Amino acid sequence: MPSTGYLAAALASAATITFALRSVPFALLRPVRDSRLVGYLGTHMPAGVMVILVVYLLRDLTLDRRPYGLPEAAALLVTVGLYTW
């Protein structure tokens, strides 16, 4: 069993590394936050990501066998309905 000091040091280093990894992106984005590119990506990327996820979901859709894509269609309708609501 490791000593208490060793466990405390391991926990402190893990917390420090986690905090650093989570804060570095925000610190790096601060200078470019007002750029047109970041604004464009912030506006258009959410829709682009959703399109990629829908294409990924429907890539193996089979319409020639039962249940003829009904579960996927129902999930898509529920998602679109909740999003618009």
Protein backbone atom coordinates (compact mmCIF):
# COMPACT_ATOMS: atom_id res chain seq x y z
CA MET A 1 0.00 0.00 0.00
CA PRO A 2 1.51 3.36 -1.01
CA SER A 3 2.07 5.95 1.65
CA THR A 4 -0.33 8.82 2.25
CA GLY A 5 2.21 11.36 0.99
CA TYR A 6 2.63 9.44 -2.27
CA LEU A 7 -1.13 9.26 -2.81
CA ALA A 8 -1.52 12.97 -2.04
CA ALA A 9 1.28 13.85 -4.49
CA ALA A 10 -0.26 11.65 -7.19
CA LEU A 11 -3.68 13.20 -6.66
CA ALA A 12 -2.26 16.73 -6.70
CA SER A 13 -0.30 16.11 -9.90
CA ALA A 14 -3.32 14.53 -11.58
CA ALA A 15 -5.50 17.49 -10.58
CA THR A 16 -2.89 19.98 -11.81
CA ILE A 17 -2.50 18.24 -15.17
CA THR A 18 -6.28 17.97 -15.61
CA PHE A 19 -6.77 21.65 -14.80
CA ALA A 20 -3.97 22.65 -17.19
CA LEU A 21 -5.33 20.52 -20.03
CA ARG A 22 -8.81 21.98 -19.62
CA SER A 23 -7.71 25.61 -19.33
CA VAL A 24 -5.09 25.73 -22.10
CA PRO A 25 -7.63 25.79 -24.98
CA PHE A 26 -9.39 28.79 -23.46
CA ALA A 27 -6.10 30.60 -22.95
CA LEU A 28 -5.03 29.89 -26.54
CA LEU A 29 -8.37 31.03 -28.00
CA ARG A 30 -8.44 34.35 -26.13
CA PRO A 31 -6.33 36.26 -28.73
CA VAL A 32 -8.37 34.98 -31.71
CA ARG A 33 -11.81 35.11 -30.11
CA ASP A 34 -12.80 38.22 -32.09
CA SER A 35 -11.52 36.93 -35.44
CA ARG A 36 -13.90 36.39 -38.32
CA LEU A 37 -12.82 32.76 -38.73
CA VAL A 38 -13.72 31.79 -35.17
CA GLY A 39 -17.04 33.60 -35.52
CA TYR A 40 -17.77 31.78 -38.77
CA LEU A 41 -16.88 28.39 -37.26
CA GLY A 42 -18.99 29.12 -34.19
CA THR A 43 -21.95 29.92 -36.42
CA HIS A 44 -21.69 27.10 -38.96
CA MET A 45 -19.99 24.20 -37.22
CA PRO A 46 -22.92 23.06 -35.02
CA ALA A 47 -25.04 22.41 -38.13
CA GLY A 48 -22.09 20.74 -39.86
CA VAL A 49 -21.49 18.44 -36.92
CA MET A 50 -25.18 17.48 -36.84
CA VAL A 51 -25.09 16.66 -40.57
CA ILE A 52 -22.03 14.46 -40.06
CA LEU A 53 -23.74 12.64 -37.17
CA VAL A 54 -26.90 12.05 -39.21
CA VAL A 55 -24.92 10.71 -42.15
CA TYR A 56 -22.97 8.46 -39.78
CA LEU A 57 -26.23 7.20 -38.25
CA LEU A 58 -27.84 6.46 -41.60
CA ARG A 59 -24.81 4.96 -43.35
CA ASP A 60 -25.93 1.35 -42.79
CA LEU A 61 -29.65 1.94 -43.26
CA THR A 62 -31.35 -0.93 -45.07
CA LEU A 63 -34.67 -0.17 -46.71
CA ASP A 64 -35.13 -3.55 -48.37
CA ARG A 65 -35.61 -5.60 -45.16
CA ARG A 66 -37.90 -5.30 -42.18
CA PRO A 67 -38.33 -2.96 -40.31
CA TYR A 68 -37.57 -0.87 -43.46
CA GLY A 69 -35.77 1.91 -41.58
CA LEU A 70 -38.71 2.73 -39.30
CA PRO A 71 -36.66 2.90 -36.06
CA GLU A 72 -34.18 5.28 -37.67
CA ALA A 73 -36.98 7.39 -39.14
CA ALA A 74 -38.73 7.55 -35.77
CA ALA A 75 -35.51 8.56 -34.01
CA LEU A 76 -34.83 11.20 -36.64
CA LEU A 77 -38.35 12.63 -36.36
CA VAL A 78 -38.21 12.72 -32.57
CA THR A 79 -34.82 14.46 -32.67
CA VAL A 80 -35.91 17.03 -35.23
CA GLY A 81 -39.17 17.60 -33.36
CA LEU A 82 -37.43 18.14 -30.04
CA TYR A 83 -34.85 20.41 -31.65
CA THR A 84 -37.46 22.63 -33.26
CA TRP A 85 -39.59 22.66 -30.11
